[in-house]
Amino acid sequence: MAWLAADDRPGLPVEARERVSDRFYRGVQGRGQAGSGLGLAIVQRAVARVGGGWCLPTGLEGASCCGALDMPAAR
């Protein structure tokens, strides 16, 4: 099963992609905004626990951010 999610917030700079799932990481654009920097770290660990994967497609700098989840089917 796969999901694709997008938001209408500022795009994700290329240099932030490597750290975006680090706990408490807040990119320059995220500073001053509400949030703790835990959201994608939680997603990454939860998806990995069930054998799934996730990615942030490239080429979206300056556009809204987009993420994809791939989850295994229930057994």
PDB file of N, CA and C in Angstrom:
ATOM      1  N   MET A   1       0.856  -1.154   0.000  1.00  0.00           N
ATOM      2  CA  MET A   1       0.000   0.000   0.000  1.00  0.00           C
ATOM      3  C   MET A   1       0.906   1.222   0.000  1.00  0.00           C
ATOM      4  N   ALA A   2       0.560   2.205  -0.779  1.00  0.00           N
ATOM      5  CA  ALA A   2       1.386   3.409  -0.874  1.00  0.00           C
ATOM      6  C   ALA A   2       0.529   4.648  -0.647  1.00  0.00           C
ATOM      7  N   TRP A   3       1.125   5.652  -0.033  1.00  0.00           N
ATOM      8  CA  TRP A   3       0.478   6.936   0.197  1.00  0.00           C
ATOM      9  C   TRP A   3       1.410   8.039  -0.277  1.00  0.00           C
ATOM     10  N   LEU A   4       0.826   9.098  -0.748  1.00  0.00           N
ATOM     11  CA  LEU A   4       1.564  10.287  -1.111  1.00  0.00           C
ATOM     12  C   LEU A   4       0.919  11.457  -0.383  1.00  0.00           C
ATOM     13  N   ALA A   5       1.725  12.251   0.287  1.00  0.00           N
ATOM     14  CA  ALA A   5       1.203  13.401   1.035  1.00  0.00           C
ATOM     15  C   ALA A   5       1.971  14.643   0.630  1.00  0.00           C
ATOM     16  N   ALA A   6       1.272  15.746   0.577  1.00  0.00           N
ATOM     17  CA  ALA A   6       1.912  17.021   0.245  1.00  0.00           C
ATOM     18  C   ALA A   6       1.338  18.097   1.158  1.00  0.00           C
ATOM     19  N   ASP A   7       2.090  19.155   1.335  1.00  0.00           N
ATOM     20  CA  ASP A   7       1.577  20.273   2.119  1.00  0.00           C
ATOM     21  C   ASP A   7       1.741  21.565   1.339  1.00  0.00           C
ATOM     22  N   ASP A   8       1.211  22.628   1.895  1.00  0.00           N
ATOM     23  CA  ASP A   8       1.277  23.914   1.215  1.00  0.00           C
ATOM     24  C   ASP A   8       2.260  24.865   1.895  1.00  0.00           C
ATOM     25  N   ARG A   9       3.176  24.293   2.642  1.00  0.00           N
ATOM     26  CA  ARG A   9       4.190  25.094   3.320  1.00  0.00           C
ATOM     27  C   ARG A   9       5.341  25.338   2.356  1.00  0.00           C
ATOM     28  N   PRO A  10       6.330  26.140   2.775  1.00  0.00           N
ATOM     29  CA  PRO A  10       7.475  26.381   1.893  1.00  0.00           C
ATOM     30  C   PRO A  10       8.168  25.072   1.518  1.00  0.00           C
ATOM     31  N   GLY A  11       8.758  25.043   0.363  1.00  0.00           N
ATOM     32  CA  GLY A  11       9.472  23.850  -0.098  1.00  0.00           C
ATOM     33  C   GLY A  11      10.657  23.507   0.792  1.00  0.00           C
ATOM     34  N   LEU A  12      11.181  22.321   0.626  1.00  0.00           N
ATOM     35  CA  LEU A  12      12.299  21.834   1.429  1.00  0.00           C
ATOM     36  C   LEU A  12      13.595  22.043   0.658  1.00  0.00           C
ATOM     37  N   PRO A  13      14.508  22.862   1.183  1.00  0.00           N
ATOM     38  CA  PRO A  13      15.782  23.064   0.489  1.00  0.00           C
ATOM     39  C   PRO A  13      16.556  21.750   0.363  1.00  0.00           C
ATOM     40  N   VAL A  14      17.294  21.597  -0.717  1.00  0.00           N
ATOM     41  CA  VAL A  14      18.037  20.366  -0.973  1.00  0.00           C
ATOM     42  C   VAL A  14      18.975  20.037   0.175  1.00  0.00           C
ATOM     43  N   GLU A  15      19.648  21.041   0.736  1.00  0.00           N
ATOM     44  CA  GLU A  15      20.615  20.779   1.812  1.00  0.00           C
ATOM     45  C   GLU A  15      19.962  20.273   3.096  1.00  0.00           C
ATOM     46  N   ALA A  16      18.664  20.424   3.270  1.00  0.00           N
ATOM     47  CA  ALA A  16      17.971  19.947   4.473  1.00  0.00           C
ATOM     48  C   ALA A  16      17.500  18.503   4.331  1.00  0.00           C
ATOM     49  N   ARG A  17      17.486  17.940   3.129  1.00  0.00           N
ATOM     50  CA  ARG A  17      16.943  16.598   2.902  1.00  0.00           C
ATOM     51  C   ARG A  17      17.653  15.512   3.703  1.00  0.00           C
ATOM     52  N   GLU A  18      18.972  15.639   3.887  1.00  0.00           N
ATOM     53  CA  GLU A  18      19.723  14.621   4.615  1.00  0.00           C
ATOM     54  C   GLU A  18      19.390  14.600   6.095  1.00  0.00           C
ATOM     55  N   ARG A  19      18.947  15.711   6.643  1.00  0.00           N
ATOM     56  CA  ARG A  19      18.712  15.803   8.084  1.00  0.00           C
ATOM     57  C   ARG A  19      17.247  15.859   8.460  1.00  0.00           C
ATOM     58  N   VAL A  20      16.353  15.863   7.494  1.00  0.00           N
ATOM     59  CA  VAL A  20      14.946  16.134   7.759  1.00  0.00           C
ATOM     60  C   VAL A  20      14.303  15.120   8.715  1.00  0.00           C
ATOM     61  N   SER A  21      14.836  13.901   8.793  1.00  0.00           N
ATOM     62  CA  SER A  21      14.264  12.912   9.707  1.00  0.00           C
ATOM     63  C   SER A  21      15.045  12.806  11.022  1.00  0.00           C
ATOM     64  N   ASP A  22      16.017  13.701  11.237  1.00  0.00           N
ATOM     65  CA  ASP A  22      16.718  13.736  12.526  1.00  0.00           C
ATOM     66  C   ASP A  22      15.777  14.298  13.587  1.00  0.00           C
ATOM     67  N   ARG A  23      15.810  13.685  14.771  1.00  0.00           N
ATOM     68  CA  ARG A  23      14.970  14.192  15.855  1.00  0.00           C
ATOM     69  C   ARG A  23      15.338  15.632  16.184  1.00  0.00           C
ATOM     70  N   PHE A  24      14.324  16.453  16.332  1.00  0.00           N
ATOM     71  CA  PHE A  24      14.416  17.862  16.708  1.00  0.00           C
ATOM     72  C   PHE A  24      15.058  18.754  15.644  1.00  0.00           C
ATOM     73  N   TYR A  25      15.297  18.224  14.447  1.00  0.00           N
ATOM     74  CA  TYR A  25      15.860  19.066  13.393  1.00  0.00           C
ATOM     75  C   TYR A  25      14.802  20.044  12.887  1.00  0.00           C
ATOM     76  N   ARG A  26      15.169  21.282  12.831  1.00  0.00           N
ATOM     77  CA  ARG A  26      14.290  22.320  12.290  1.00  0.00           C
ATOM     78  C   ARG A  26      15.107  23.105  11.286  1.00  0.00           C
ATOM     79  N   GLY A  27      14.765  23.014  10.043  1.00  0.00           N
ATOM     80  CA  GLY A  27      15.469  23.761   9.016  1.00  0.00           C
ATOM     81  C   GLY A  27      15.302  25.255   9.219  1.00  0.00           C
ATOM     82  N   VAL A  28      16.052  26.010   8.484  1.00  0.00           N
ATOM     83  CA  VAL A  28      16.007  27.468   8.587  1.00  0.00           C
ATOM     84  C   VAL A  28      14.588  27.977   8.360  1.00  0.00           C
ATOM     85  N   GLN A  29      13.889  27.414   7.376  1.00  0.00           N
ATOM     86  CA  GLN A  29      12.533  27.870   7.086  1.00  0.00           C
ATOM     87  C   GLN A  29      11.552  27.496   8.191  1.00  0.00           C
ATOM     88  N   GLY A  30      11.846  26.468   8.975  1.00  0.00           N
ATOM     89  CA  GLY A  30      10.943  26.028  10.025  1.00  0.00           C
ATOM     90  C   GLY A  30      11.078  26.792  11.324  1.00  0.00           C
ATOM     91  N   ARG A  31      12.162  27.507  11.466  1.00  0.00           N
ATOM     92  CA  ARG A  31      12.357  28.279  12.695  1.00  0.00           C
ATOM     93  C   ARG A  31      11.343  29.399  12.748  1.00  0.00           C
ATOM     94  N   GLY A  32      10.778  29.603  13.895  1.00  0.00           N
ATOM     95  CA  GLY A  32       9.750  30.617  14.051  1.00  0.00           C
ATOM     96  C   GLY A  32       8.358  30.088  13.746  1.00  0.00           C
ATOM     97  N   GLN A  33       8.262  28.844  13.288  1.00  0.00           N
ATOM     98  CA  GLN A  33       6.984  28.194  13.015  1.00  0.00           C
ATOM     99  C   GLN A  33       6.673  27.241  14.172  1.00  0.00           C
ATOM    100  N   ALA A  34       5.425  26.896  14.346  1.00  0.00           N
ATOM    101  CA  ALA A  34       5.037  25.926  15.380  1.00  0.00           C
ATOM    102  C   ALA A  34       5.587  24.551  15.016  1.00  0.00           C
ATOM    103  N   GLY A  35       5.898  23.768  16.015  1.00  0.00           N
ATOM    104  CA  GLY A  35       6.368  22.401  15.793  1.00  0.00           C
ATOM    105  C   GLY A  35       7.584  22.094  16.633  1.00  0.00           C
ATOM    106  N   SER A  36       7.864  20.802  16.780  1.00  0.00           N
ATOM    107  CA  SER A  36       8.975  20.369  17.625  1.00  0.00           C
ATOM    108  C   SER A  36      10.132  19.774  16.839  1.00  0.00           C
ATOM    109  N   GLY A  37       9.939  19.512  15.561  1.00  0.00           N
ATOM    110  CA  GLY A  37      10.987  18.863  14.782  1.00  0.00           C
ATOM    111  C   GLY A  37      10.993  17.358  14.958  1.00  0.00           C
ATOM    112  N   LEU A  38       9.905  16.790  15.439  1.00  0.00           N
ATOM    113  CA  LEU A  38       9.832  15.342  15.652  1.00  0.00           C
ATOM    114  C   LEU A  38       8.990  14.605  14.615  1.00  0.00           C
ATOM    115  N   GLY A  39       8.173  15.288  13.855  1.00  0.00           N
ATOM    116  CA  GLY A  39       7.201  14.635  12.979  1.00  0.00           C
ATOM    117  C   GLY A  39       7.784  13.599  12.031  1.00  0.00           C
ATOM    118  N   LEU A  40       8.756  13.977  11.207  1.00  0.00           N
ATOM    119  CA  LEU A  40       9.298  13.029  10.236  1.00  0.00           C
ATOM    120  C   LEU A  40      10.190  11.975  10.884  1.00  0.00           C
ATOM    121  N   ALA A  41      10.788  12.290  12.031  1.00  0.00           N
ATOM    122  CA  ALA A  41      11.560  11.282  12.758  1.00  0.00           C
ATOM    123  C   ALA A  41      10.630  10.164  13.237  1.00  0.00           C
ATOM    124  N   ILE A  42       9.463  10.537  13.718  1.00  0.00           N
ATOM    125  CA  ILE A  42       8.474   9.547  14.165  1.00  0.00           C
ATOM    126  C   ILE A  42       7.975   8.733  12.983  1.00  0.00           C
ATOM    127  N   VAL A  43       7.678   9.401  11.874  1.00  0.00           N
ATOM    128  CA  VAL A  43       7.230   8.684  10.668  1.00  0.00           C
ATOM    129  C   VAL A  43       8.271   7.674  10.221  1.00  0.00           C
ATOM    130  N   GLN A  44       9.519   8.081  10.119  1.00  0.00           N
ATOM    131  CA  GLN A  44      10.582   7.189   9.659  1.00  0.00           C
ATOM    132  C   GLN A  44      10.687   5.940  10.534  1.00  0.00           C
ATOM    133  N   ARG A  45      10.665   6.105  11.824  1.00  0.00           N
ATOM    134  CA  ARG A  45      10.814   4.959  12.726  1.00  0.00           C
ATOM    135  C   ARG A  45       9.583   4.064  12.720  1.00  0.00           C
ATOM    136  N   ALA A  46       8.392   4.658  12.674  1.00  0.00           N
ATOM    137  CA  ALA A  46       7.165   3.857  12.654  1.00  0.00           C
ATOM    138  C   ALA A  46       7.064   3.028  11.371  1.00  0.00           C
ATOM    139  N   VAL A  47       7.376   3.637  10.251  1.00  0.00           N
ATOM    140  CA  VAL A  47       7.305   2.935   8.967  1.00  0.00           C
ATOM    141  C   VAL A  47       8.352   1.829   8.912  1.00  0.00           C
ATOM    142  N   ALA A  48       9.556   2.099   9.406  1.00  0.00           N
ATOM    143  CA  ALA A  48      10.615   1.083   9.406  1.00  0.00           C
ATOM    144  C   ALA A  48      10.243  -0.113  10.275  1.00  0.00           C
ATOM    145  N   ARG A  49       9.540   0.117  11.388  1.00  0.00           N
ATOM    146  CA  ARG A  49       9.154  -0.977  12.291  1.00  0.00           C
ATOM    147  C   ARG A  49       8.250  -1.994  11.629  1.00  0.00           C
ATOM    148  N   VAL A  50       7.460  -1.564  10.666  1.00  0.00           N
ATOM    149  CA  VAL A  50       6.544  -2.499  10.005  1.00  0.00           C
ATOM    150  C   VAL A  50       7.072  -2.940   8.643  1.00  0.00           C
ATOM    151  N   GLY A  51       8.327  -2.613   8.356  1.00  0.00           N
ATOM    152  CA  GLY A  51       8.940  -3.081   7.119  1.00  0.00           C
ATOM    153  C   GLY A  51       8.645  -2.230   5.902  1.00  0.00           C
ATOM    154  N   GLY A  52       8.212  -1.013   6.119  1.00  0.00           N
ATOM    155  CA  GLY A  52       7.912  -0.125   5.000  1.00  0.00           C
ATOM    156  C   GLY A  52       9.062   0.817   4.713  1.00  0.00           C
ATOM    157  N   GLY A  53       8.834   1.740   3.826  1.00  0.00           N
ATOM    158  CA  GLY A  53       9.842   2.726   3.477  1.00  0.00           C
ATOM    159  C   GLY A  53       9.186   4.066   3.229  1.00  0.00           C
ATOM    160  N   TRP A  54       9.980   5.102   3.188  1.00  0.00           N
ATOM    161  CA  TRP A  54       9.456   6.424   2.902  1.00  0.00           C
ATOM    162  C   TRP A  54      10.520   7.237   2.175  1.00  0.00           C
ATOM    163  N   CYS A  55      10.085   8.229   1.454  1.00  0.00           N
ATOM    164  CA  CYS A  55      11.028   9.085   0.745  1.00  0.00           C
ATOM    165  C   CYS A  55      10.424  10.465   0.557  1.00  0.00           C
ATOM    166  N   LEU A  56      11.299  11.408   0.292  1.00  0.00           N
ATOM    167  CA  LEU A  56      10.902  12.752  -0.087  1.00  0.00           C
ATOM    168  C   LEU A  56      11.385  12.937  -1.525  1.00  0.00           C
ATOM    169  N   PRO A  57      10.482  12.944  -2.484  1.00  0.00           N
ATOM    170  CA  PRO A  57      10.905  13.083  -3.879  1.00  0.00           C
ATOM    171  C   PRO A  57      11.749  14.334  -4.096  1.00  0.00           C
ATOM    172  N   THR A  58      12.739  14.235  -4.964  1.00  0.00           N
ATOM    173  CA  THR A  58      13.609  15.372  -5.252  1.00  0.00           C
ATOM    174  C   THR A  58      12.992  16.267  -6.314  1.00  0.00           C
ATOM    175  N   GLY A  59      13.595  17.409  -6.495  1.00  0.00           N
ATOM    176  CA  GLY A  59      13.150  18.325  -7.527  1.00  0.00           C
ATOM    177  C   GLY A  59      11.984  19.199  -7.118  1.00  0.00           C
ATOM    178  N   LEU A  60      11.723  19.295  -5.814  1.00  0.00           N
ATOM    179  CA  LEU A  60      10.586  20.085  -5.360  1.00  0.00           C
ATOM    180  C   LEU A  60      10.995  21.369  -4.657  1.00  0.00           C
ATOM    181  N   GLU A  61      12.262  21.737  -4.724  1.00  0.00           N
ATOM    182  CA  GLU A  61      12.715  22.937  -4.019  1.00  0.00           C
ATOM    183  C   GLU A  61      11.910  24.142  -4.476  1.00  0.00           C
ATOM    184  N   GLY A  62      11.442  24.917  -3.518  1.00  0.00           N
ATOM    185  CA  GLY A  62      10.653  26.087  -3.814  1.00  0.00           C
ATOM    186  C   GLY A  62       9.177  25.794  -4.001  1.00  0.00           C
ATOM    187  N   ALA A  63       8.806  24.534  -4.044  1.00  0.00           N
ATOM    188  CA  ALA A  63       7.399  24.146  -4.177  1.00  0.00           C
ATOM    189  C   ALA A  63       6.951  23.560  -2.853  1.00  0.00           C
ATOM    190  N   SER A  64       5.708  23.129  -2.781  1.00  0.00           N
ATOM    191  CA  SER A  64       5.259  22.495  -1.546  1.00  0.00           C
ATOM    192  C   SER A  64       6.004  21.181  -1.362  1.00  0.00           C
ATOM    193  N   CYS A  65       6.153  20.762  -0.125  1.00  0.00           N
ATOM    194  CA  CYS A  65       6.873  19.531   0.182  1.00  0.00           C
ATOM    195  C   CYS A  65       5.965  18.334  -0.052  1.00  0.00           C
ATOM    196  N   CYS A  66       6.563  17.239  -0.465  1.00  0.00           N
ATOM    197  CA  CYS A  66       5.815  16.036  -0.795  1.00  0.00           C
ATOM    198  C   CYS A  66       6.564  14.842  -0.215  1.00  0.00           C
ATOM    199  N   GLY A  67       5.853  13.873   0.347  1.00  0.00           N
ATOM    200  CA  GLY A  67       6.473  12.669   0.881  1.00  0.00           C
ATOM    201  C   GLY A  67       5.696  11.440   0.469  1.00  0.00           C
ATOM    202  N   ALA A  68       6.381  10.324   0.341  1.00  0.00           N
ATOM    203  CA  ALA A  68       5.746   9.080  -0.078  1.00  0.00           C
ATOM    204  C   ALA A  68       6.029   7.982   0.937  1.00  0.00           C
ATOM    205  N   LEU A  69       4.997   7.219   1.305  1.00  0.00           N
ATOM    206  CA  LEU A  69       5.119   6.070   2.206  1.00  0.00           C
ATOM    207  C   LEU A  69       4.770   4.808   1.434  1.00  0.00           C
ATOM    208  N   ASP A  70       5.522   3.766   1.683  1.00  0.00           N
ATOM    209  CA  ASP A  70       5.230   2.459   1.085  1.00  0.00           C
ATOM    210  C   ASP A  70       5.146   1.462   2.232  1.00  0.00           C
ATOM    211  N   MET A  71       3.974   0.892   2.455  1.00  0.00           N
ATOM    212  CA  MET A  71       3.750  -0.012   3.573  1.00  0.00           C
ATOM    213  C   MET A  71       3.446  -1.407   3.053  1.00  0.00           C
ATOM    214  N   PRO A  72       3.957  -2.443   3.729  1.00  0.00           N
ATOM    215  CA  PRO A  72       3.630  -3.805   3.306  1.00  0.00           C
ATOM    216  C   PRO A  72       2.162  -4.114   3.577  1.00  0.00           C
ATOM    217  N   ALA A  73       1.612  -5.018   2.780  1.00  0.00           N
ATOM    218  CA  ALA A  73       0.211  -5.447   2.986  1.00  0.00           C
ATOM    219  C   ALA A  73       0.112  -6.237   4.283  1.00  0.00           C
ATOM    220  N   ALA A  74      -1.042  -6.190   4.920  1.00  0.00           N
ATOM    221  CA  ALA A  74      -1.280  -6.960   6.154  1.00  0.00           C
ATOM    222  C   ALA A  74      -1.167  -8.443   5.855  1.00  0.00           C
ATOM    223  N   ARG A  75      -0.640  -9.175   6.795  1.00  0.00           N
ATOM    224  CA  ARG A  75      -0.489 -10.635   6.606  1.00  0.00           C
ATOM    225  C   ARG A  75      -1.574 -11.387   7.287  1.00  0.00           C
TER     226      ARG A  75
END
